[in-house]
């Protein structure tokens, strides 16, 4: 029996649901592209008229942290923070205008197709084809989308609105990622002191977690309307604050550090008590992510500051004023050292080339660190998605708490039906029950062995043992991974075998101790060992490490004495 999604969302039509879904996906696509704040979210609102509004919160902890760092850097920093507000507001404006149109046109497209949710084609597919110079209904491989005539007619009838939407998208893509680059783009004149402060705090946004800036919060929340006439929501609106230990929670205008800490502590304690490796992986990843970031920033500041001091000492009286970041940008782009942002050559190009040659190693080291910082994941979640990082975090959880990667969700240590109950439990049972438990364990092993032998029979050249396959499962490796390195030739078959027999593998792992195989899961009674006191202690220690990793390295601001903050 199939259930229509509209029966689960009263007063909402398939077109309304489709428009919301498509817009929600587009918001997160913009996040992944780095075109909006890294913690931007969207939420649909229901009314008697159905789902006709989507609220988007554009938020960046990095922009917020950088704003505070600039505000604390004296008068020049305060001026720079004002420019940052303008840049953020411009980016948000372009994103909101684009998504407002995207929401409206997605609804119109869904109405035109008149299909059940989800529709066969979404707006971004048409745009991708058209921007590549093809018919909106023609894919890159030459195939045609369903309902080609209807799609082409929709595109033609809505051409002005579509062009306006795409123009806003192009505008959004053109907004630079760094404040200094944005000021150059906007051709905004500013003093050398302001430039120096902006350069100094180029990566201050990566540090710590600061109180929410009302100046940035006031333009964060935007309401998209189905008719395409959305607008900003009042500045005192509540919106989500991200915490990289447990995800998002609803908060007021300022972050309550103690509440966030208490919630993090409780989250970690729950993960420890139930033995959920994934919950602990998130927490451990937070500490690892922030520590790596902190180390990069510290290395960068150690190298950048003396180079900056020497650069501005040498070129203090040059006209027009020189900017160290312009030199670094030229090095990274392979441009002539003396090239200015507008493409012209600076009159002091010879002196710049001499300086660059004299400080070649230092300049290259700073440029390389800027590349690494620019490419560094914007959040713990993004960092954790990188396979190598995820595996390192899993290994840390295993080393610290004895929990294996697969022990998560319903398979958390204390939630499984056959989880080990301890030798004391076994010895307390009558002989008949003890023998029954052992017999059941042997039967599970025999069943798994028979299935594996059948797999080997159908793939006689397969390089894999059952023990190796089980170990691959336990430590979240590809099923075909071999001890000696590489993958087995029967990769697809092994992946399918693991998928088909996951529960049998888990049950066998849990009861293998009854067959004399003493391993990680059968050394202790986890539920008894990880009592509330121990969980609280372990959580407190981990949280201390996380908070230490979030501490700001701190930027040594080297302005003239009258410019330094009091």
Protein backbone atom coordinates (compact mmCIF):
# COMPACT_ATOMS: atom_id res chain seq x y z
CA UNK A 1 0.00 0.00 0.00
CA UNK A 2 1.42 3.39 -1.00
CA UNK A 3 0.74 6.54 1.00
CA UNK A 4 0.61 9.90 -0.75
CA UNK A 5 2.99 12.43 0.78
CA UNK A 6 0.20 15.03 0.71
CA UNK A 7 -1.72 12.90 3.22
CA UNK A 8 1.21 13.35 5.61
CA UNK A 9 1.38 17.11 4.97
CA UNK A 10 -2.21 18.42 5.08
CA UNK A 11 -3.11 21.43 2.93
CA UNK A 12 0.08 20.98 0.87
CA UNK A 13 0.02 20.12 -2.82
CA UNK A 14 2.71 18.04 -4.58
CA UNK A 15 3.91 21.23 -6.29
CA UNK A 16 4.38 23.02 -2.96
CA UNK A 17 6.27 20.08 -1.52
CA UNK A 18 8.43 19.83 -4.63
CA UNK A 19 9.29 23.54 -4.56
CA UNK A 20 10.32 23.29 -0.90
CA UNK A 21 12.38 20.13 -1.50
CA UNK A 22 14.18 21.55 -4.54
CA UNK A 23 14.96 24.82 -2.75
CA UNK A 24 16.19 22.99 0.34
CA UNK A 25 18.60 20.97 -1.82
CA UNK A 26 19.76 24.12 -3.61
CA UNK A 27 20.52 25.83 -0.29
CA UNK A 28 22.82 23.00 0.73
CA UNK A 29 24.38 22.92 -2.72
CA UNK A 30 25.33 26.58 -2.20
CA UNK A 31 26.77 25.66 1.21
CA UNK A 32 28.88 22.91 -0.39
CA UNK A 33 30.11 25.35 -3.03
CA UNK A 34 31.12 27.82 -0.32
CA UNK A 35 28.82 30.51 -1.75
CA UNK A 36 26.87 31.05 1.48
CA UNK A 37 27.75 30.77 5.18
CA UNK A 38 28.90 27.31 6.21
CA UNK A 39 26.01 26.90 8.67
CA UNK A 40 23.23 28.15 6.40
CA UNK A 41 19.93 26.30 6.86
CA UNK A 42 16.41 26.35 5.44
CA UNK A 43 13.03 25.47 6.94
CA UNK A 44 9.56 25.28 5.42
CA UNK A 45 6.52 26.82 7.12
CA UNK A 46 3.00 25.46 7.00
CA UNK A 47 -0.26 27.42 7.08
CA UNK A 48 -3.88 26.98 6.07
CA UNK A 49 -2.72 27.73 2.53
CA UNK A 50 -0.17 24.94 2.62
CA UNK A 51 3.59 25.16 2.27
CA UNK A 52 4.11 28.56 0.67
CA UNK A 53 7.06 29.96 2.63
CA UNK A 54 10.62 28.79 3.21
CA UNK A 55 12.79 30.53 5.78
CA UNK A 56 16.53 30.59 5.21
CA UNK A 57 19.14 31.48 7.82
CA UNK A 58 22.49 32.46 6.35
CA UNK A 59 25.10 32.11 9.05
CA UNK A 60 28.86 31.80 9.14
CA UNK A 61 30.77 31.27 12.36
CA UNK A 62 33.88 32.27 10.44
CA UNK A 63 32.47 35.65 9.46
CA UNK A 64 31.19 36.16 13.01
CA UNK A 65 34.58 35.30 14.56
CA UNK A 66 36.39 37.57 12.11
CA UNK A 67 34.01 40.45 12.87
CA UNK A 68 34.82 40.22 16.58
CA UNK A 69 38.56 39.98 15.91
CA UNK A 70 38.41 43.13 13.78
CA UNK A 71 36.30 44.99 16.33
CA UNK A 72 38.99 44.29 18.92
CA UNK A 73 41.80 45.62 16.70
CA UNK A 74 41.43 49.34 17.33
CA UNK A 75 39.83 52.07 15.16
CA UNK A 76 41.20 50.61 11.93
CA UNK A 77 39.72 47.23 12.88
CA UNK A 78 36.32 48.77 13.64
CA UNK A 79 36.34 50.36 10.19
CA UNK A 80 37.29 47.00 8.65
CA UNK A 81 34.47 45.27 10.56
CA UNK A 82 32.05 47.71 8.96
CA UNK A 83 33.31 46.69 5.53
CA UNK A 84 32.91 43.03 6.51
CA UNK A 85 29.26 43.71 7.37
CA UNK A 86 28.76 45.21 3.91
CA UNK A 87 30.41 42.25 2.19
CA UNK A 88 28.34 39.72 4.14
CA UNK A 89 25.15 41.66 3.47
CA UNK A 90 25.90 41.78 -0.25
CA UNK A 91 26.55 38.03 -0.43
CA UNK A 92 23.41 37.28 1.54
CA UNK A 93 21.38 39.59 -0.65
CA UNK A 94 22.46 37.89 -3.86
CA UNK A 95 21.85 34.43 -2.35
CA UNK A 96 18.40 35.40 -1.04
CA UNK A 97 17.34 36.96 -4.36
CA UNK A 98 18.54 33.90 -6.27
CA UNK A 99 16.83 31.41 -3.97
CA UNK A 100 13.63 33.45 -3.79
CA UNK A 101 13.36 33.18 -7.58
CA UNK A 102 14.46 29.55 -7.48
CA UNK A 103 11.67 28.71 -5.02
CA UNK A 104 9.06 30.50 -7.12
CA UNK A 105 10.18 28.97 -10.43
CA UNK A 106 10.46 25.48 -8.91
CA UNK A 107 6.82 25.78 -7.89
CA UNK A 108 5.82 26.93 -11.38
CA UNK A 109 7.76 24.06 -12.96
CA UNK A 110 6.09 21.52 -10.67
CA UNK A 111 2.67 22.99 -11.50
CA UNK A 112 3.49 22.76 -15.21
CA UNK A 113 4.56 19.11 -14.96
CA UNK A 114 1.53 18.28 -12.77
CA UNK A 115 3.19 15.14 -11.34
CA UNK A 116 3.21 13.45 -7.95
CA UNK A 117 6.13 14.23 -5.67
CA UNK A 118 8.95 13.91 -6.53
CA UNK A 119 8.69 15.31 -10.05
CA UNK A 120 10.72 13.80 -12.88
CA UNK A 121 12.80 16.94 -13.53
CA UNK A 122 14.07 19.79 -11.34
CA UNK A 123 14.91 23.34 -12.26
CA UNK A 124 18.67 22.99 -11.83
CA UNK A 125 18.76 20.25 -14.49
CA UNK A 126 17.15 22.59 -17.03
CA UNK A 127 19.49 25.42 -16.08
CA UNK A 128 22.57 23.22 -16.39
CA UNK A 129 21.58 22.17 -19.90
CA UNK A 130 20.69 25.68 -21.04
CA UNK A 131 23.88 27.23 -19.63
CA UNK A 132 25.88 24.64 -21.57
CA UNK A 133 24.32 25.92 -24.79
CA UNK A 134 21.89 23.05 -25.24
CA UNK A 135 18.14 22.90 -25.23
CA UNK A 136 16.87 22.90 -21.61
CA UNK A 137 15.58 19.37 -22.14
CA UNK A 138 18.80 17.98 -23.69
CA UNK A 139 21.33 16.28 -21.43
CA UNK A 140 25.10 16.32 -21.93
CA UNK A 141 25.05 12.76 -23.33
CA UNK A 142 22.48 13.72 -25.97
CA UNK A 143 19.52 12.08 -24.26
CA UNK A 144 16.30 14.03 -23.75
CA UNK A 145 14.53 14.63 -20.47
CA UNK A 146 10.95 13.37 -20.11
CA UNK A 147 8.26 15.81 -21.30
CA UNK A 148 10.80 17.67 -23.48
CA UNK A 149 8.23 19.84 -25.28
CA UNK A 150 6.61 20.89 -22.00
CA UNK A 151 9.99 21.73 -20.47
CA UNK A 152 11.13 23.78 -23.45
CA UNK A 153 7.84 25.68 -23.46
CA UNK A 154 8.16 26.36 -19.71
CA UNK A 155 11.67 27.71 -20.27
CA UNK A 156 10.53 30.04 -23.04
CA UNK A 157 7.47 31.32 -21.18
CA UNK A 158 9.51 32.11 -18.07
CA UNK A 159 12.66 33.35 -19.81
CA UNK A 160 12.81 36.82 -18.19
CA UNK A 161 12.39 35.42 -14.66
CA UNK A 162 14.91 32.66 -15.34
CA UNK A 163 17.50 35.10 -16.67
CA UNK A 164 17.01 37.29 -13.59
CA UNK A 165 17.51 34.26 -11.34
CA UNK A 166 20.68 33.18 -13.14
CA UNK A 167 22.03 36.73 -13.04
CA UNK A 168 21.71 36.71 -9.24
CA UNK A 169 23.52 33.37 -9.15
CA UNK A 170 26.39 34.80 -11.22
CA UNK A 171 26.51 37.84 -8.93
CA UNK A 172 26.76 35.51 -5.94
CA UNK A 173 29.64 33.57 -7.49
CA UNK A 174 31.56 36.79 -8.07
CA UNK A 175 31.63 37.80 -4.39
CA UNK A 176 35.21 37.12 -3.16
CA UNK A 177 35.86 34.93 -0.16
CA UNK A 178 38.23 37.35 1.58
CA UNK A 179 37.48 40.89 2.72
CA UNK A 180 40.61 42.43 1.17
CA UNK A 181 39.73 40.95 -2.23
CA UNK A 182 36.18 42.26 -1.92
CA UNK A 183 37.41 45.79 -1.15
CA UNK A 184 39.64 45.63 -4.24
CA UNK A 185 36.69 44.43 -6.33
CA UNK A 186 34.47 47.22 -5.05
CA UNK A 187 37.31 49.75 -5.49
CA UNK A 188 36.74 51.07 -1.97
CA UNK A 189 39.57 53.39 -0.87
CA UNK A 190 40.96 52.74 2.62
CA UNK A 191 44.03 53.55 4.63
CA UNK A 192 47.16 51.41 4.79
CA UNK A 193 46.36 50.78 8.44
CA UNK A 194 42.98 49.28 7.55
CA UNK A 195 44.64 47.07 4.92
CA UNK A 196 47.19 45.86 7.47
CA UNK A 197 44.48 44.96 9.98
CA UNK A 198 42.50 43.09 7.32
CA UNK A 199 45.60 41.16 6.25
CA UNK A 200 46.45 40.35 9.86
CA UNK A 201 42.96 38.96 10.48
CA UNK A 202 42.56 37.16 7.16
CA UNK A 203 42.13 33.83 8.99
CA UNK A 204 40.83 35.01 12.37
CA UNK A 205 37.43 33.61 11.41
CA UNK A 206 38.79 30.09 11.75
CA UNK A 207 39.43 30.51 15.46
CA UNK A 208 37.17 29.82 18.41
CA UNK A 209 33.44 30.35 18.75
CA UNK A 210 32.28 33.84 19.66
CA UNK A 211 29.09 35.47 20.80
CA UNK A 212 26.75 36.24 17.95
CA UNK A 213 27.25 39.68 16.41
CA UNK A 214 23.94 41.54 16.23
CA UNK A 215 25.32 43.48 13.25
CA UNK A 216 25.59 40.21 11.31
CA UNK A 217 22.51 38.57 12.84
CA UNK A 218 20.27 41.42 11.67
CA UNK A 219 20.56 40.35 8.01
CA UNK A 220 20.77 36.59 8.58
CA UNK A 221 17.17 35.40 8.29
CA UNK A 222 15.28 35.67 5.01
CA UNK A 223 11.81 34.45 4.18
CA UNK A 224 11.22 33.17 0.65
CA UNK A 225 7.71 33.39 -0.75
CA UNK A 226 6.17 31.21 -3.39
CA UNK A 227 5.25 34.34 -5.37
CA UNK A 228 8.90 35.45 -5.34
CA UNK A 229 8.47 38.50 -3.10
CA UNK A 230 10.36 37.42 0.02
CA UNK A 231 12.20 39.62 2.49
CA UNK A 232 14.27 39.83 5.67
CA UNK A 233 12.81 38.62 8.96
CA UNK A 234 13.01 40.77 12.10
CA UNK A 235 16.50 40.80 13.61
CA UNK A 236 15.34 39.39 16.94
CA UNK A 237 14.21 36.16 15.28
CA UNK A 238 15.52 32.93 16.76
CA UNK A 239 17.72 30.77 14.62
CA UNK A 240 19.95 27.76 14.91
CA UNK A 241 23.45 27.89 16.33
CA UNK A 242 25.82 25.12 15.30
CA UNK A 243 27.75 23.07 17.82
CA UNK A 244 30.29 20.73 16.26
CA UNK A 245 29.89 18.06 18.97
CA UNK A 246 26.20 17.26 18.64
CA UNK A 247 24.83 19.31 15.71
CA UNK A 248 22.36 22.17 15.90
CA UNK A 249 20.17 23.52 18.63
CA UNK A 250 17.76 26.43 18.86
CA UNK A 251 19.19 29.48 20.60
CA UNK A 252 18.40 33.12 21.28
CA UNK A 253 20.36 36.12 20.09
CA UNK A 254 23.47 35.21 22.07
CA UNK A 255 25.17 31.89 22.62
CA UNK A 256 25.02 30.63 26.20
CA UNK A 257 28.45 28.95 26.59
CA UNK A 258 27.48 27.05 29.74
CA UNK A 259 24.29 25.69 28.18
CA UNK A 260 26.24 24.59 25.11
CA UNK A 261 28.87 22.95 27.31
CA UNK A 262 26.27 21.13 29.42
CA UNK A 263 24.52 19.85 26.31
CA UNK A 264 27.82 18.67 24.84
CA UNK A 265 28.70 16.91 28.10
CA UNK A 266 25.33 15.16 28.17
CA UNK A 267 25.61 14.12 24.52
CA UNK A 268 29.02 12.52 25.11
CA UNK A 269 27.80 10.79 28.28
CA UNK A 270 24.89 9.23 26.40
CA UNK A 271 27.24 8.00 23.69
CA UNK A 272 29.47 6.44 26.31
CA UNK A 273 26.66 4.82 28.31
CA UNK A 274 25.02 3.13 25.32
CA UNK A 275 28.32 2.44 23.56
CA UNK A 276 27.53 4.35 20.37
CA UNK A 277 30.78 4.70 18.40
CA UNK A 278 29.33 7.23 15.96
CA UNK A 279 28.25 9.69 18.68
CA UNK A 280 31.75 9.52 20.12
CA UNK A 281 33.29 9.77 16.66
CA UNK A 282 31.54 13.14 16.22
CA UNK A 283 32.91 14.39 19.53
CA UNK A 284 36.44 13.09 18.93
CA UNK A 285 36.36 14.54 15.40
CA UNK A 286 35.54 17.94 16.87
CA UNK A 287 38.71 17.86 18.93
CA UNK A 288 40.86 16.55 16.05
CA UNK A 289 39.40 19.04 13.55
CA UNK A 290 39.93 22.06 15.78
CA UNK A 291 43.42 20.93 16.81
CA UNK A 292 44.52 20.60 13.19
CA UNK A 293 43.07 23.98 12.38
CA UNK A 294 44.68 25.56 15.44
CA UNK A 295 48.07 24.11 14.48
CA UNK A 296 47.82 25.50 10.94
CA UNK A 297 46.86 28.96 12.20
CA UNK A 298 49.68 28.99 14.71
CA UNK A 299 52.22 28.04 12.03
CA UNK A 300 50.80 30.68 9.72
CA UNK A 301 50.94 33.48 12.27
CA UNK A 302 54.47 32.52 13.31
CA UNK A 303 55.67 32.91 9.70
CA UNK A 304 53.39 35.73 8.59
CA UNK A 305 54.08 38.31 11.30
CA UNK A 306 57.85 38.80 10.78
CA UNK A 307 57.38 38.82 7.01
CA UNK A 308 54.66 41.47 7.34
CA UNK A 309 56.78 43.60 9.66
CA UNK A 310 59.73 43.52 7.26
CA UNK A 311 57.58 44.19 4.18
CA UNK A 312 55.97 47.30 5.63
CA UNK A 313 59.31 48.51 7.02
CA UNK A 314 60.88 48.34 3.56
CA UNK A 315 57.92 49.78 1.66
CA UNK A 316 56.53 52.23 4.24
CA UNK A 317 57.02 55.32 2.05
CA UNK A 318 56.15 53.90 -1.35
CA UNK A 319 53.40 55.58 -3.39
CA UNK A 320 50.97 54.17 -4.30
CA UNK A 321 50.89 52.11 -1.10
CA UNK A 322 51.83 48.46 -1.38
CA UNK A 323 49.97 45.51 0.09
CA UNK A 324 51.70 42.30 1.18
CA UNK A 325 48.62 40.24 0.29
CA UNK A 326 48.86 41.43 -3.32
CA UNK A 327 52.41 40.04 -3.46
CA UNK A 328 51.27 36.72 -1.93
CA UNK A 329 48.35 36.51 -4.37
CA UNK A 330 50.74 37.03 -7.28
CA UNK A 331 52.99 34.24 -6.00
CA UNK A 332 50.02 31.85 -5.66
CA UNK A 333 48.66 32.74 -9.10
CA UNK A 334 52.04 32.74 -10.85
CA UNK A 335 51.68 36.42 -11.80
CA UNK A 336 54.51 38.97 -11.99
CA UNK A 337 55.45 40.04 -8.46
CA UNK A 338 54.83 43.71 -9.20
CA UNK A 339 51.35 43.24 -10.67
CA UNK A 340 48.58 45.25 -8.98
CA UNK A 341 44.97 44.03 -8.52
CA UNK A 342 43.86 46.01 -11.62
CA UNK A 343 46.49 44.27 -13.76
CA UNK A 344 48.87 47.22 -14.04
CA UNK A 345 52.51 47.12 -12.92
CA UNK A 346 53.49 48.97 -9.75
CA UNK A 347 56.22 51.63 -10.18
CA UNK A 348 58.23 49.86 -7.45
CA UNK A 349 58.16 46.52 -9.28
CA UNK A 350 61.95 46.20 -9.28
CA UNK A 351 62.14 46.73 -5.52
CA UNK A 352 59.30 44.21 -5.04
CA UNK A 353 61.14 41.63 -7.14
CA UNK A 354 64.29 42.19 -5.09
CA UNK A 355 62.33 41.77 -1.84
CA UNK A 356 60.65 38.63 -3.15
CA UNK A 357 63.98 37.12 -4.13
CA UNK A 358 65.56 37.97 -0.78
CA UNK A 359 62.63 36.45 1.17
CA UNK A 360 61.74 33.71 -1.31
CA UNK A 361 61.51 30.85 1.18
CA UNK A 362 59.46 32.80 3.73
CA UNK A 363 57.06 34.13 1.10
CA UNK A 364 56.56 30.68 -0.41
CA UNK A 365 55.95 29.15 3.04
CA UNK A 366 53.31 31.77 3.89
CA UNK A 367 51.65 31.37 0.47
CA UNK A 368 51.54 27.58 0.92
CA UNK A 369 49.96 27.93 4.36
CA UNK A 370 47.35 30.33 2.95
CA UNK A 371 46.44 27.70 0.36
CA UNK A 372 46.04 25.09 3.10
CA UNK A 373 43.92 27.42 5.23
CA UNK A 374 41.75 28.39 2.24
CA UNK A 375 41.18 24.72 1.44
CA UNK A 376 40.72 23.57 5.06
CA UNK A 377 37.22 22.15 5.71
CA UNK A 378 34.79 24.77 6.95
CA UNK A 379 33.24 22.53 9.60
CA UNK A 380 33.78 19.37 11.58
CA UNK A 381 31.17 17.65 9.44
CA UNK A 382 33.03 18.51 6.22
CA UNK A 383 36.35 17.47 7.77
CA UNK A 384 34.88 14.16 8.92
CA UNK A 385 33.55 13.35 5.43
CA UNK A 386 37.13 13.03 4.21
CA UNK A 387 37.69 9.28 4.39
CA UNK A 388 41.15 9.45 5.95
CA UNK A 389 39.94 11.80 8.69
CA UNK A 390 36.88 9.69 9.43
CA UNK A 391 39.00 6.57 9.83
CA UNK A 392 41.44 8.36 12.12
CA UNK A 393 38.53 9.43 14.34
CA UNK A 394 37.15 5.87 14.35
CA UNK A 395 40.55 4.55 15.36
CA UNK A 396 40.73 7.08 18.19
CA UNK A 397 37.32 5.95 19.51
CA UNK A 398 38.44 2.34 19.34
CA UNK A 399 41.71 3.05 21.17
CA UNK A 400 40.12 5.20 23.86
CA UNK A 401 36.82 3.38 24.48
CA UNK A 402 37.08 -0.02 22.78
CA UNK A 403 34.10 0.70 20.52
CA UNK A 404 34.24 -0.40 16.89
CA UNK A 405 32.88 1.77 14.03
CA UNK A 406 29.86 -0.44 13.30
CA UNK A 407 28.61 -0.17 16.91
CA UNK A 408 26.21 2.70 16.35
CA UNK A 409 22.49 3.40 16.34
CA UNK A 410 20.53 0.21 16.95
CA UNK A 411 23.86 -1.66 16.96
CA UNK A 412 25.30 0.35 19.87
CA UNK A 413 27.04 -1.92 22.38
CA UNK A 414 24.35 -2.17 25.05
CA UNK A 415 21.38 -2.21 22.66
CA UNK A 416 22.12 -5.41 20.75
CA UNK A 417 20.19 -8.63 21.42
CA UNK A 418 23.29 -10.85 21.59
CA UNK A 419 25.69 -8.37 23.18
CA UNK A 420 28.06 -10.04 25.62
CA UNK A 421 26.64 -10.37 29.12
CA UNK A 422 29.74 -11.61 30.90
CA UNK A 423 31.24 -14.81 32.25
CA UNK A 424 29.45 -14.33 35.56
CA UNK A 425 26.12 -14.37 33.74
CA UNK A 426 27.08 -17.52 31.85
CA UNK A 427 28.27 -19.34 34.95
CA UNK A 428 25.10 -18.41 36.83
CA UNK A 429 22.94 -20.28 34.32
CA UNK A 430 22.00 -23.96 34.50
CA UNK A 431 24.16 -26.33 32.47
CA UNK A 432 21.36 -26.80 29.94
CA UNK A 433 21.17 -23.07 29.20
CA UNK A 434 24.96 -22.73 29.04
CA UNK A 435 25.15 -25.50 26.47
CA UNK A 436 22.26 -23.96 24.54
CA UNK A 437 24.06 -20.60 24.33
CA UNK A 438 27.24 -22.27 23.12
CA UNK A 439 25.32 -24.38 20.60
CA UNK A 440 23.56 -21.30 19.25
CA UNK A 441 26.90 -19.52 18.86
CA UNK A 442 28.36 -22.51 17.00
CA UNK A 443 25.30 -22.69 14.76
CA UNK A 444 25.67 -19.02 13.81
CA UNK A 445 29.33 -19.55 12.99
CA UNK A 446 28.55 -22.65 10.92
CA UNK A 447 25.83 -20.81 9.00
CA UNK A 448 28.16 -17.91 8.24
CA UNK A 449 30.95 -20.30 7.22
CA UNK A 450 28.67 -22.23 4.86
CA UNK A 451 27.53 -19.04 3.19
CA UNK A 452 31.11 -17.88 2.76
CA UNK A 453 32.15 -21.24 1.27
CA UNK A 454 29.28 -20.92 -1.21
CA UNK A 455 30.60 -17.50 -2.17
CA UNK A 456 34.09 -18.94 -2.67
CA UNK A 457 32.67 -21.73 -4.82
CA UNK A 458 31.15 -19.18 -7.20
CA UNK A 459 34.38 -17.12 -7.21
CA UNK A 460 37.19 -19.72 -7.10
CA UNK A 461 39.95 -17.14 -7.65
CA UNK A 462 38.75 -14.92 -4.80
CA UNK A 463 41.49 -13.79 -2.41
CA UNK A 464 39.72 -13.48 0.93
CA UNK A 465 39.25 -15.36 4.18
CA UNK A 466 36.19 -15.20 6.42
CA UNK A 467 38.28 -13.81 9.29
CA UNK A 468 39.58 -11.02 7.06
CA UNK A 469 36.08 -10.20 5.83
CA UNK A 470 34.77 -9.98 9.40
CA UNK A 471 37.69 -7.75 10.38
CA UNK A 472 36.90 -5.49 7.41
CA UNK A 473 33.34 -5.20 8.64
CA UNK A 474 34.43 -4.46 12.20
CA UNK A 475 36.74 -1.61 11.22
CA UNK A 476 34.66 -0.05 8.46
CA UNK A 477 36.95 -1.04 5.61
CA UNK A 478 35.78 -1.93 2.10
CA UNK A 479 34.69 -5.57 2.14
CA UNK A 480 37.32 -6.58 -0.43
CA UNK A 481 40.32 -5.11 1.48
CA UNK A 482 43.22 -7.57 1.72
CA UNK A 483 45.74 -7.80 4.57
CA UNK A 484 48.62 -7.54 2.13
CA UNK A 485 47.09 -4.42 0.56
CA UNK A 486 44.84 -3.84 -2.43
CA UNK A 487 41.40 -5.28 -3.09
CA UNK A 488 40.15 -8.75 -3.88
CA UNK A 489 39.10 -9.43 -7.46
CA UNK A 490 35.59 -10.32 -6.19
CA UNK A 491 34.98 -6.81 -4.85
CA UNK A 492 31.31 -6.50 -5.85
CA UNK A 493 30.43 -9.98 -4.64
CA UNK A 494 32.09 -9.39 -1.27
CA UNK A 495 30.30 -6.07 -0.80
CA UNK A 496 26.99 -7.79 -1.58
CA UNK A 497 27.80 -10.67 0.80
CA UNK A 498 28.52 -8.23 3.62
CA UNK A 499 25.29 -6.31 2.95
CA UNK A 500 23.18 -9.48 2.80
CA UNK A 501 24.65 -10.98 5.98
CA UNK A 502 25.22 -7.95 8.20
CA UNK A 503 23.00 -9.15 11.05
CA UNK A 504 24.47 -12.66 10.98
CA UNK A 505 28.00 -11.18 11.12
CA UNK A 506 27.03 -8.99 14.07
CA UNK A 507 25.44 -11.88 15.96
CA UNK A 508 28.53 -14.01 15.32
CA UNK A 509 30.85 -11.27 16.57
CA UNK A 510 28.80 -10.92 19.74
CA UNK A 511 28.80 -14.63 20.53
CA UNK A 512 32.27 -15.63 19.31
CA UNK A 513 33.58 -15.46 22.90
CA UNK A 514 31.45 -18.50 23.65
CA UNK A 515 33.60 -20.38 21.11
CA UNK A 516 36.82 -19.41 22.88
CA UNK A 517 37.66 -16.37 20.75
CA UNK A 518 38.63 -13.70 23.27
CA UNK A 519 38.74 -10.31 21.61
CA UNK A 520 37.86 -6.67 22.12
CA UNK A 521 34.13 -7.17 22.65
CA UNK A 522 34.45 -10.00 25.18
CA UNK A 523 37.08 -8.64 27.55
CA UNK A 524 34.73 -6.61 29.74
CA UNK A 525 31.07 -6.27 30.55
CA UNK A 526 30.70 -2.85 28.92
CA UNK A 527 27.33 -1.97 30.44
CA UNK A 528 28.64 -2.63 33.94
CA UNK A 529 32.04 -1.02 33.32
CA UNK A 530 30.71 2.21 31.75
CA UNK A 531 28.57 3.31 34.67
CA UNK A 532 27.29 6.87 35.08
CA UNK A 533 30.30 7.97 37.14
CA UNK A 534 32.83 6.71 34.61
CA UNK A 535 30.85 8.15 31.70
CA UNK A 536 30.72 11.56 33.39
CA UNK A 537 34.46 11.46 34.03
CA UNK A 538 35.35 10.39 30.47
CA UNK A 539 32.97 12.95 28.96
CA UNK A 540 34.46 15.72 31.10
CA UNK A 541 38.00 14.83 29.96
CA UNK A 542 37.02 14.71 26.29
CA UNK A 543 35.10 17.98 26.54
CA UNK A 544 38.14 19.65 28.13
CA UNK A 545 40.23 18.56 25.13
CA UNK A 546 37.59 19.84 22.73
CA UNK A 547 37.39 23.22 24.43
CA UNK A 548 41.18 23.49 24.54
CA UNK A 549 41.29 22.82 20.79
CA UNK A 550 38.80 25.64 20.24
CA UNK A 551 40.87 28.24 22.05
CA UNK A 552 41.95 31.10 19.86
CA UNK A 553 45.63 31.18 19.01
CA UNK A 554 45.39 34.98 19.19
CA UNK A 555 46.74 37.47 16.69
CA UNK A 556 49.55 39.83 17.61
CA UNK A 557 48.34 43.10 16.18
CA UNK A 558 51.29 45.27 15.08
CA UNK A 559 49.78 48.64 14.35
CA UNK A 560 51.06 52.00 15.48
CA UNK A 561 50.56 52.59 19.23
CA UNK A 562 47.64 54.95 18.74
CA UNK A 563 45.86 52.29 16.64
CA UNK A 564 46.18 49.45 19.13
CA UNK A 565 43.14 48.48 21.19
CA UNK A 566 43.12 49.67 24.77
